[in-house]
Protein backbone atom coordinates (compact mmCIF):
# COMPACT_ATOMS: atom_id res chain seq x y z
CA MET A 1 -25.55 42.75 43.12
CA LYS A 2 -24.52 41.44 45.63
CA TYR A 3 -25.20 37.51 45.51
CA LEU A 4 -24.25 38.42 41.30
CA VAL A 5 -20.17 39.53 43.15
CA ASN A 6 -20.30 36.65 45.36
CA ILE A 7 -21.13 34.05 42.16
CA CYS A 8 -18.81 35.50 40.05
CA ARG A 9 -16.02 35.95 42.83
CA ILE A 10 -16.41 32.07 43.79
CA LEU A 11 -16.19 31.15 39.83
CA VAL A 12 -13.30 33.57 38.92
CA GLY A 13 -11.17 32.20 42.47
CA GLY A 14 -12.02 28.61 41.83
CA LEU A 15 -10.88 28.79 38.63
CA PHE A 16 -7.84 30.79 39.11
CA ILE A 17 -6.93 28.01 41.52
CA PHE A 18 -7.59 25.18 39.25
CA SER A 19 -6.29 26.34 36.37
CA GLY A 20 -2.76 27.38 38.23
CA LEU A 21 -2.33 24.46 40.04
CA ILE A 22 -2.89 21.98 37.06
CA LYS A 23 0.32 24.21 35.26
CA LEU A 24 2.35 24.82 38.45
CA ASN A 25 2.13 20.82 38.87
CA ASP A 26 4.08 21.33 35.16
CA PRO A 27 6.21 24.51 35.22
CA LEU A 28 8.63 22.76 32.59
CA GLY A 29 5.70 22.02 30.68
CA PHE A 30 3.95 25.72 30.90
CA SER A 31 7.78 27.01 30.08
CA TYR A 32 7.73 25.52 26.17
CA LYS A 33 4.22 26.76 25.46
CA LEU A 34 5.45 29.71 26.57
CA GLU A 35 8.47 29.67 24.45
CA GLU A 36 6.22 28.66 21.44
CA TYR A 37 4.66 32.29 22.01
CA PHE A 38 8.02 34.09 22.24
CA SER A 39 9.06 32.38 19.77
CA ALA A 40 9.50 34.60 16.34
CA GLU A 41 6.53 32.80 14.14
CA VAL A 42 4.25 34.28 17.08
CA LEU A 43 4.93 37.10 19.38
CA ASN A 44 8.56 37.32 17.86
CA LEU A 45 9.87 38.18 21.29
CA PRO A 46 13.36 35.60 21.35
CA PHE A 47 14.92 37.92 24.19
CA LEU A 48 12.76 36.56 26.34
CA GLU A 49 12.66 32.91 25.09
CA PRO A 50 15.75 32.04 28.01
CA TYR A 51 14.05 33.53 31.24
CA ALA A 52 10.58 31.24 30.29
CA LEU A 53 10.97 29.11 32.78
CA GLY A 54 11.12 31.72 35.41
CA ILE A 55 8.16 33.86 33.93
CA SER A 56 6.23 30.48 34.32
CA VAL A 57 6.52 29.44 37.56
CA PHE A 58 5.78 33.35 38.69
CA VAL A 59 2.55 33.80 36.25
CA VAL A 60 1.47 30.15 37.56
CA VAL A 61 2.12 30.65 41.61
CA LEU A 62 0.59 34.76 40.83
CA GLU A 63 -2.25 33.09 39.22
CA VAL A 64 -3.03 30.22 42.51
CA VAL A 65 -2.72 33.32 44.90
CA LEU A 66 -4.68 35.70 43.61
CA GLY A 67 -7.58 32.80 43.33
CA VAL A 68 -6.86 32.01 46.73
CA PHE A 69 -6.87 36.30 47.89
CA LEU A 70 -10.04 36.50 45.95
CA LEU A 71 -11.73 33.96 47.82
CA ILE A 72 -10.83 34.96 51.32
CA SER A 73 -10.93 38.31 50.20
CA TYR A 74 -7.24 39.44 50.76
CA LYS A 75 -6.08 42.99 49.57
CA LYS A 76 -9.56 43.08 47.43
CA LYS A 77 -8.29 45.66 45.63
CA PHE A 78 -5.14 44.57 44.84
CA THR A 79 -6.78 41.62 43.43
CA VAL A 80 -9.23 42.49 41.40
CA TRP A 81 -6.99 44.86 39.54
CA MET A 82 -4.39 41.83 39.12
CA LEU A 83 -7.40 40.26 37.36
CA LEU A 84 -7.75 42.07 35.48
CA ALA A 85 -4.95 42.79 34.08
CA MET A 86 -4.12 39.27 33.95
CA ILE A 87 -7.16 38.43 32.18
CA VAL A 88 -7.12 41.30 29.51
CA PHE A 89 -3.13 39.78 28.82
CA PHE A 90 -4.32 36.27 28.18
CA THR A 91 -7.46 37.52 26.10
CA PHE A 92 -5.26 39.23 23.44
CA LEU A 93 -2.77 36.76 23.57
CA THR A 94 -5.28 33.64 22.89
CA PHE A 95 -6.98 36.43 19.97
CA TYR A 96 -3.78 36.88 18.81
CA ALA A 97 -2.81 33.12 18.31
CA ALA A 98 -6.63 32.15 17.55
CA TYR A 99 -6.59 35.04 14.59
CA PHE A 100 -3.24 34.13 13.19
CA ASP A 101 -3.63 30.28 13.95
CA VAL A 102 -0.19 30.64 14.44
CA VAL A 103 -0.62 28.15 18.06
CA LYS A 104 -2.33 25.08 17.90
CA ASP A 105 -3.10 24.36 21.94
CA CYS A 106 -3.13 27.75 24.58
CA GLY A 107 -1.96 25.70 26.96
CA CYS A 108 -4.43 27.03 29.71
CA PHE A 109 -5.29 23.90 31.65
CA GLY A 110 -1.93 22.08 30.49
CA ASP A 111 -1.99 18.54 29.39
CA PHE A 112 -4.90 17.95 31.49
CA LEU A 113 -7.70 19.56 29.37
CA PRO A 114 -5.93 20.64 25.97
CA MET A 115 -8.37 23.87 24.70
CA LYS A 116 -8.29 24.81 20.64
CA PRO A 117 -7.40 28.99 20.64
CA TRP A 118 -10.63 29.99 20.03
CA GLU A 119 -11.88 27.98 22.90
CA SER A 120 -9.38 29.41 24.74
CA PHE A 121 -10.21 32.88 23.66
CA THR A 122 -14.19 32.14 24.64
CA LYS A 123 -12.79 30.57 27.83
CA ASP A 124 -11.36 34.19 29.35
CA LEU A 125 -13.95 36.34 27.23
CA ILE A 126 -16.51 35.46 29.97
CA LEU A 127 -13.64 35.21 32.94
CA LEU A 128 -13.06 38.87 31.85
CA ILE A 129 -17.09 39.80 32.11
CA LEU A 130 -16.68 37.81 34.96
CA ILE A 131 -14.21 40.28 36.65
CA LEU A 132 -15.34 42.85 35.31
CA VAL A 133 -18.91 42.42 37.56
CA LEU A 134 -16.07 42.11 40.59
CA VAL A 135 -14.75 45.37 39.78
CA ILE A 136 -18.06 47.08 38.96
CA GLY A 137 -19.04 45.51 42.74
CA ILE A 138 -15.96 45.54 44.85
CA LYS A 139 -17.57 47.28 47.66
CA HIS A 140 -19.65 44.25 47.87
CA ILE A 141 -16.59 41.54 48.18
CA LYS A 142 -16.25 41.23 52.18
CA PRO A 143 -13.56 39.31 53.61
CA VAL A 144 -14.67 35.68 55.02
CA PHE A 145 -12.80 35.14 57.73
CA SER A 146 -11.04 37.89 60.49
CA LYS A 147 -8.04 40.08 59.63
CA PHE A 148 -5.27 37.99 61.71
CA PRO A 149 -6.73 33.99 59.96
CA THR A 150 -7.00 35.94 56.57
CA THR A 151 -3.51 36.90 56.72
CA ILE A 152 -2.27 33.52 58.25
CA LEU A 153 -4.16 32.12 54.56
CA ALA A 154 -3.30 34.11 52.27
CA LEU A 155 0.65 33.38 53.84
CA LEU A 156 0.00 29.88 53.21
CA GLY A 157 -1.38 29.59 49.85
CA PHE A 158 1.72 31.90 48.97
CA ILE A 159 3.98 29.73 50.27
CA GLY A 160 1.81 26.15 49.75
CA SER A 161 2.54 27.45 45.84
CA LEU A 162 5.80 28.15 45.28
CA TRP A 163 6.95 25.02 47.90
CA PHE A 164 5.03 22.77 44.88
CA GLY A 165 6.41 24.41 42.60
CA TYR A 166 10.15 23.95 43.80
CA HIS A 167 8.93 20.37 44.54
CA VAL A 168 7.55 19.15 41.10
CA LEU A 169 11.06 20.89 39.26
CA MET A 170 13.29 19.12 41.57
CA HIS A 171 11.10 15.59 40.73
CA LEU A 172 7.97 14.94 38.31
CA PRO A 173 5.01 16.86 37.86
CA THR A 174 2.99 14.97 40.30
CA TRP A 175 -0.37 14.25 37.72
CA ASP A 176 0.68 12.87 34.52
CA PHE A 177 -1.30 13.54 32.08
CA ARG A 178 0.90 12.93 28.67
CA ALA A 179 0.70 9.91 26.27
CA TYR A 180 3.90 8.90 28.34
CA ALA A 181 2.29 8.20 31.95
CA VAL A 182 3.22 5.11 33.97
CA GLY A 183 0.67 2.49 32.36
CA LYS A 184 0.62 3.92 29.21
CA ASN A 185 1.78 1.72 26.35
CA ILE A 186 3.94 3.67 23.83
CA ALA A 187 3.45 2.06 20.72
CA GLU A 188 0.22 1.79 20.94
CA GLY A 189 -0.42 5.50 21.19
CA MET A 190 1.41 5.94 17.79
CA VAL A 191 -1.20 3.75 15.68
CA VAL A 192 -3.91 5.30 14.29
CA PRO A 193 -7.07 3.13 14.28
CA GLU A 194 -8.79 1.89 10.85
CA ASP A 195 -12.29 3.74 11.44
CA ALA A 196 -10.74 6.94 12.90
CA PRO A 197 -12.21 9.80 11.07
CA LYS A 198 -9.34 11.76 8.07
CA ALA A 199 -8.80 15.31 8.36
CA ILE A 200 -11.04 17.20 5.55
CA GLN A 201 -9.22 19.69 3.76
CA GLU A 202 -10.33 22.41 1.35
CA PHE A 203 -7.41 23.49 -1.13
CA THR A 204 -7.70 26.82 -3.46
CA TRP A 205 -6.13 26.63 -6.29
CA THR A 206 -5.27 29.31 -8.24
CA PHE A 207 -4.52 29.72 -12.23
CA ASN A 208 -3.22 32.19 -14.60
CA VAL A 209 -6.23 32.08 -17.39
CA GLY A 210 -5.95 34.17 -20.00
CA GLY A 211 -3.86 36.35 -18.06
CA GLU A 212 -6.28 36.71 -14.91
CA ASN A 213 -5.69 34.59 -12.08
CA VAL A 214 -8.74 32.57 -10.86
CA GLU A 215 -9.08 30.47 -7.80
CA TYR A 216 -10.38 27.05 -7.70
CA VAL A 217 -11.98 25.41 -5.28
CA THR A 218 -11.45 21.04 -4.93
CA ASP A 219 -11.07 18.46 -2.15
CA GLY A 220 -7.34 18.21 -3.10
CA SER A 221 -8.19 16.72 -6.28
CA TYR A 222 -6.18 18.72 -9.02
CA PRO A 223 -8.08 20.89 -11.32
CA ASN A 224 -8.58 20.07 -14.94
CA VAL A 225 -7.97 23.80 -16.10
CA ASP A 226 -6.67 25.24 -19.19
CA GLY A 227 -4.45 27.73 -17.66
CA GLU A 228 -0.69 28.64 -15.78
CA TYR A 229 -0.20 27.61 -11.92
CA VAL A 230 0.32 30.43 -10.21
CA GLY A 231 0.19 28.36 -6.35
CA VAL A 232 -2.74 26.52 -4.03
CA GLU A 233 -3.66 27.35 -0.20
CA THR A 234 -5.09 24.47 1.91
CA LYS A 235 -7.25 24.71 4.80
CA ILE A 236 -8.42 22.23 7.58
CA ILE A 237 -12.25 22.40 7.46
CA GLU A 238 -12.17 19.40 10.07
CA GLU A 239 -9.52 18.13 12.12
CA GLY A 240 -9.35 13.80 11.57
CA TYR A 241 -7.88 12.02 14.68
CA ASP A 242 -4.78 12.87 16.40
CA PRO A 243 -2.46 10.15 17.86
CA PRO A 244 -1.83 10.66 21.50
CA VAL A 245 1.88 9.85 20.84
CA LYS A 246 3.67 12.17 17.61
CA ASP A 247 6.78 12.23 16.56
CA PHE A 248 8.31 9.66 18.98
CA SER A 249 10.99 7.36 17.25
CA ILE A 250 14.66 5.40 17.88
CA GLU A 251 16.83 5.75 15.18
CA THR A 252 20.09 5.91 13.90
CA ASN A 253 20.68 8.28 11.22
CA GLU A 254 19.81 5.34 8.25
CA GLU A 255 17.66 3.49 10.54
CA ASN A 256 14.15 3.46 12.14
CA LEU A 257 14.50 1.38 15.11
CA THR A 258 11.15 2.57 17.29
CA ASP A 259 9.90 -1.16 16.74
CA TYR A 260 12.71 -3.21 17.65
CA PHE A 261 13.05 -1.37 21.19
CA LEU A 262 9.39 -1.47 22.22
CA ALA A 263 9.15 -4.79 20.99
CA LYS A 264 12.42 -5.36 24.48
CA GLU A 265 10.69 -7.41 27.26
CA ASN A 266 13.04 -4.95 29.76
CA LEU A 267 13.92 -1.53 27.90
CA ILE A 268 15.78 1.61 30.04
CA ILE A 269 15.23 4.81 27.98
CA VAL A 270 17.75 7.37 29.15
CA VAL A 271 16.22 10.53 27.63
CA ALA A 272 17.98 14.44 27.26
CA TYR A 273 16.58 16.32 24.83
CA ASN A 274 19.75 18.08 24.70
CA LEU A 275 22.74 17.26 25.72
CA ALA A 276 24.44 20.07 26.37
CA THR A 277 22.21 21.88 28.39
CA ALA A 278 21.40 18.52 30.62
CA ASN A 279 22.55 18.28 33.95
CA GLU A 280 26.35 17.39 34.65
CA ASN A 281 25.45 15.80 38.17
CA GLY A 282 22.12 14.48 36.68
CA LEU A 283 23.97 12.53 34.10
CA LYS A 284 26.51 11.28 36.29
CA ASN A 285 23.60 9.71 38.28
CA ILE A 286 22.08 8.44 34.88
CA LYS A 287 25.53 6.60 34.41
CA LYS A 288 25.43 4.16 38.25
CA ALA A 289 21.98 3.42 36.90
CA THR A 290 22.59 2.50 33.38
CA ASP A 291 25.66 -0.06 34.45
CA LYS A 292 23.18 -1.63 37.47
CA ALA A 293 20.42 -1.60 34.75
CA ILE A 294 23.33 -3.31 32.14
CA GLU A 295 24.80 -5.74 34.75
CA ASN A 296 21.20 -6.76 35.53
CA GLY A 297 20.39 -7.50 32.56
CA TYR A 298 18.54 -4.38 30.80
CA THR A 299 18.50 -3.29 27.07
CA VAL A 300 20.15 0.36 27.58
CA ILE A 301 19.60 3.21 25.34
CA GLY A 302 19.64 6.86 25.02
CA LEU A 303 17.83 9.14 23.23
CA SER A 304 18.33 12.41 22.19
CA SER A 305 18.16 15.76 19.58
CA SER A 306 21.85 16.58 19.42
CA GLY A 307 24.28 15.51 16.68
CA ASP A 308 26.00 12.62 16.95
CA ASP A 309 29.46 15.11 18.21
CA ALA A 310 27.24 16.15 21.19
CA LYS A 311 26.23 12.06 21.55
CA GLN A 312 29.87 10.69 21.54
CA TYR A 313 31.51 13.73 24.07
CA ALA A 314 28.61 12.76 26.44
CA LYS A 315 29.61 9.37 26.23
CA ASP A 316 33.11 9.39 26.36
CA LYS A 317 32.75 11.90 29.35
CA TYR A 318 30.55 10.06 31.73
CA GLY A 319 31.26 6.68 30.36
CA PHE A 320 28.31 5.51 29.19
CA ASN A 321 28.44 1.47 28.30
CA PHE A 322 25.18 2.29 25.83
CA ASN A 323 24.30 4.45 22.53
CA PHE A 324 22.20 7.60 21.61
CA TYR A 325 19.64 6.93 19.56
CA LEU A 326 18.35 10.09 17.34
CA CYS A 327 14.41 11.78 19.02
CA ASP A 328 12.68 14.59 18.25
CA GLU A 329 13.54 17.56 20.63
CA LYS A 330 9.35 18.62 21.00
CA ALA A 331 9.20 14.52 21.90
CA LEU A 332 11.61 14.05 24.10
CA LYS A 333 10.03 17.34 26.22
CA THR A 334 7.05 15.49 26.41
CA VAL A 335 8.47 11.97 27.50
CA VAL A 336 10.05 13.58 30.71
CA ARG A 337 10.13 16.66 32.19
CA SER A 338 14.07 16.54 33.25
CA ASN A 339 16.82 16.34 30.94
CA PRO A 340 18.54 14.16 31.45
CA GLY A 341 15.45 11.90 32.97
CA ILE A 342 15.30 8.09 32.75
CA LEU A 343 12.44 5.26 31.65
CA LYS A 344 11.68 1.43 32.49
CA LEU A 345 9.44 0.08 29.70
CA LYS A 346 8.14 -3.13 29.01
CA LYS A 347 7.16 -4.42 26.01
CA GLY A 348 6.75 -0.03 24.96
CA THR A 349 4.87 -0.09 28.67
CA VAL A 350 6.06 2.62 30.95
CA ILE A 351 6.31 1.12 34.03
CA GLN A 352 8.66 3.90 35.87
CA LYS A 353 9.70 7.63 35.22
CA GLU A 354 12.05 9.04 37.05
CA HIS A 355 13.87 12.49 37.34
CA PHE A 356 17.31 12.57 37.19
CA ASN A 357 17.35 13.94 41.40
CA ASP A 358 15.34 9.97 42.26
CA VAL A 359 17.51 8.07 40.11
CA ASP A 360 18.45 5.95 43.20
CA ASP A 361 14.65 5.15 43.29
CA LEU A 362 14.91 3.16 39.57
CA GLU A 363 14.11 -0.58 40.53
CA LEU A 364 16.62 -3.27 38.91
CA PRO A 365 15.70 -6.57 39.79
CA VAL A 366 17.69 -8.74 37.59
CA VAL A 367 16.30 -10.02 34.67
CA GLU A 368 17.03 -12.36 32.09
CA PRO A 369 18.71 -10.97 28.99
CA GLU A 370 17.11 -11.06 26.32
CA VAL A 371 18.92 -13.03 23.13
CA GLU A 372 18.15 -12.40 19.25
CA PRO A 373 17.06 -15.43 17.62
CA ASN A 374 19.74 -17.45 15.97
CA THR A 375 22.42 -15.81 17.65
CA PRO A 376 24.65 -16.94 20.34
CA ALA A 377 25.17 -15.41 23.26
CA ASP A 378 28.66 -16.17 24.65
CA ILE A 379 30.65 -13.51 22.40
CA GLU A 380 33.82 -12.97 23.03
CA GLN A 381 34.63 -9.19 23.73
CA GLY A 382 37.09 -7.96 21.31
CA GLU A 383 37.34 -5.22 18.42
CA THR A 384 35.54 -6.98 15.59
CA VAL A 385 32.63 -8.97 15.69
CA TYR A 386 32.45 -12.04 13.12
CA ILE A 387 29.57 -13.02 10.87
CA LEU A 388 28.71 -16.04 9.25
CA ASP A 389 26.04 -16.53 7.06
CA ASP A 390 24.29 -13.77 8.98
CA GLU A 391 25.21 -15.68 12.20
CA ILE A 392 27.68 -14.09 15.08
CA ILE A 393 30.01 -16.58 15.55
CA SER A 394 33.50 -16.57 18.02
CA ARG A 395 36.54 -15.51 16.63
CA GLU A 396 37.77 -19.09 17.63
CA LYS A 397 35.49 -20.34 15.18
CA PHE A 398 36.52 -17.89 12.68
CA GLU A 399 39.92 -18.52 12.50
CA SER A 400 39.46 -22.09 12.19
CA LEU A 401 37.60 -21.99 9.17
CA ASP A 402 38.91 -22.12 5.59
CA LEU A 403 38.52 -19.10 4.24
CA ASP A 404 38.98 -20.29 0.70
CA LEU A 405 35.34 -21.87 0.88
CA PHE A 406 33.57 -18.33 1.89
CA VAL A 407 33.17 -15.03 -0.11
CA ASN A 408 33.83 -11.55 1.70
CA TYR A 409 30.48 -10.77 1.51
CA PRO A 410 28.88 -6.70 1.29
CA LEU A 411 26.97 -5.73 4.35
CA ASN A 412 23.03 -5.83 3.32
CA GLN A 413 22.63 -2.29 5.68
CA PRO A 414 24.59 0.46 7.03
CA ILE A 415 27.35 -1.01 9.14
CA GLU A 416 26.84 2.00 12.50
CA THR A 417 23.63 0.16 12.59
CA LEU A 418 24.43 -3.19 12.86
CA LEU A 419 27.32 -2.60 15.57
CA ASP A 420 24.52 -0.08 17.44
CA SER A 421 22.27 -3.02 18.01
CA ILE A 422 24.44 -5.73 18.52
CA ASN A 423 26.63 -3.68 21.31
CA THR A 424 23.62 -2.96 22.78
CA LEU A 425 21.98 -6.10 23.07
CA TYR A 426 25.77 -7.45 23.84
CA ASN A 427 26.81 -4.21 26.33
CA LYS A 428 30.16 -4.80 23.87
CA ASN A 429 31.99 -2.07 22.17
CA PHE A 430 32.78 -3.57 19.07
CA VAL A 431 34.07 -1.22 15.76
CA GLY A 432 34.64 -3.43 12.52
CA VAL A 433 32.70 -6.24 11.18
CA ILE A 434 33.83 -9.01 8.69
CA ASN A 435 31.14 -10.42 7.43
CA TYR A 436 31.89 -14.35 5.36
CA LYS A 437 28.85 -16.42 3.42
CA GLU A 438 29.88 -19.47 1.89
CA ARG A 439 30.68 -19.69 -1.83
CA ASN A 440 28.29 -20.77 -4.14
CA ALA A 441 26.25 -19.79 -7.17
CA GLU A 442 23.85 -17.50 -5.19
CA THR A 443 26.37 -15.29 -3.50
CA GLU A 444 29.42 -15.11 -5.93
CA LYS A 445 27.72 -12.56 -8.12
CA PHE A 446 28.23 -10.45 -5.26
CA GLU A 447 32.13 -10.85 -4.95
CA ILE A 448 33.70 -7.12 -5.38
CA PRO A 449 33.50 -5.91 -9.09
CA GLU A 450 37.02 -4.70 -10.65
CA MET A 451 35.57 -1.05 -10.49
CA VAL A 452 35.78 0.16 -7.15
CA LEU A 453 35.84 4.23 -6.60
CA TYR A 454 38.07 4.24 -3.20
CA THR A 455 36.28 6.52 0.13
CA ILE A 456 38.28 7.80 2.98
CA ASP A 457 36.32 9.07 5.58
CA GLY A 458 33.99 10.13 3.47
CA LYS A 459 37.44 11.83 0.69
CA ILE A 460 37.26 10.38 -2.95
CA VAL A 461 40.85 9.04 -3.19
CA SER A 462 43.07 6.97 -5.65
CA LYS A 463 43.05 3.13 -5.17
CA LYS A 464 47.23 4.09 -4.86
CA GLN A 465 46.08 5.69 -1.68
CA ALA A 466 43.74 3.45 -0.36
CA MET A 467 45.92 0.97 -0.79
CA ALA A 468 48.70 2.41 0.97
CA VAL A 469 46.82 3.22 4.23
CA ASP A 470 48.03 1.86 7.34
CA LYS A 471 45.82 -1.05 7.96
CA ASN A 472 46.01 -0.48 12.12
CA THR A 473 44.22 2.90 11.63
CA ILE A 474 41.41 1.54 9.75
CA LYS A 475 38.23 1.28 12.13
CA THR A 476 36.34 -0.45 9.11
CA ILE A 477 36.04 -1.08 5.31
CA THR A 478 32.24 -1.23 3.35
CA TYR A 479 30.66 -2.16 0.31
CA PRO A 480 27.43 0.44 0.73
CA ARG A 481 24.82 0.31 -1.98
CA ASP A 482 22.43 2.51 -0.53
CA GLU A 483 20.92 4.86 -2.74
CA GLN A 484 23.02 7.60 -1.84
CA SER A 485 26.20 6.05 -2.61
CA LEU A 486 24.70 4.72 -6.34
CA LYS A 487 23.89 8.19 -7.20
CA MET A 488 27.12 9.66 -5.80
CA ILE A 489 29.07 6.73 -8.11
CA ASP A 490 26.22 7.42 -11.03
CA SER A 491 27.03 11.17 -11.22
CA ILE A 492 30.54 10.42 -11.40
CA ASN A 493 30.32 7.92 -13.80
CA LYS A 494 28.41 10.54 -15.48
CA ALA A 495 31.23 13.39 -15.13
CA ASP A 496 34.19 11.66 -15.90
CA ASN A 497 33.08 9.37 -18.72
CA THR A 498 33.94 6.22 -16.05
CA SER A 499 32.61 3.18 -15.32
CA TYR A 500 32.44 2.49 -11.11
CA GLN A 501 30.51 -0.19 -10.07
CA VAL A 502 31.04 0.48 -6.32
CA ILE A 503 32.07 2.06 -3.36
CA GLN A 504 35.36 0.86 -1.11
CA LYS A 505 34.18 2.91 2.02
CA ILE A 506 37.29 3.07 4.66
CA THR A 507 36.27 5.00 8.11
CA LEU A 508 39.68 5.52 10.00
CA LYS A 509 39.60 5.36 13.48
């Protein structure tokens, strides 16, 4: 029994220290997992979500400390019974997550070793058995050292755990096991190989046949049944390939620019998954770093899951000279464990990643600014950007044109997206676009039709009201031809028996 207890003691102590250190390396990540457990869909304890980080640090420090205490046999009764209490709780938690299929990864070993719920439950069950052996044979647990060294080691274990947890929270995890670690290529992480295994699913279809519900199981094909469809349930038999990078994107409300920006030679990304809760001093530090980056030739963008109003508020408050784009909150929390944080990329590969406390460590040597093909780099600053035959031209060149020979051509992409791209590329602040093309047989058909539906800031107005708007108050005038606008015209034409063909969209400053 003595030898069995000592073997169990080494196994349990070593595993608790290893598991605790992995999570203590990334307490923010473990707190996100706890928030998932506390959510309404799992344990329905949403009142605990604000305390997830504190609970996370407490649990992982306790896990490491108990492992140390067990190995050196410090306060063995307290240690063994606390271990038993913890493993009983974790065993229940992993069983609940596995049985009800509400959590896909338990988070026991963080991102170092993702485990499926049933795998995690099995691991906890084995640990429970080992700890029960320790409870039964507790008298065989003897100190390795005398009382004073044992006390010193226990104290060092406790202080060391607290220091390490504080250090990674104030900086970044010492070991980064995620798909956005330095050296990883984000674009490549999103690719699904052609020969990657596909998920195998089972579909259970329910039909009412002759007044009785009958189930039919297929691999996804719709069953040929003479009955009334009731419903369908799907079950994953075998998981398919899961790319390491998921839900990462760089988007506006109208366009996905992920590939465009990940192809940049020198890109700085500011990550703030929630601008409302982002650290204010951190955002001020980010401002200094991004100004330097722009000055040194880098393309700078921001990523956030916050709404447009929050993005604009942050931009105005801190004076950011770059635009924020949209990305999934969960993905951004995975990119960098800091709100805000900052990354340096080279053609999609992460070169450097820093916490907002370490922004000064970001290396920003002067680089050659990237220039878009067929686009002059010496654009002049102003309120309006001038485009002629899809190329940006100077104001002087535009004013020298005989405009009788040109037609004002409606934009073929949302004006906000075009402006964002131009402003980001050249560090400008354009707010309007004039887009002209040479007048010929091909472009004549794009002249604005007579039947125009007028909108000001999204509200439909009469032509008289539109013509009466003070030109000094207009930010943009566009003629969108997107699907939503066409549907709007179609529905109004049907309702009012009209024949509008295009929308003149006026946006005020």
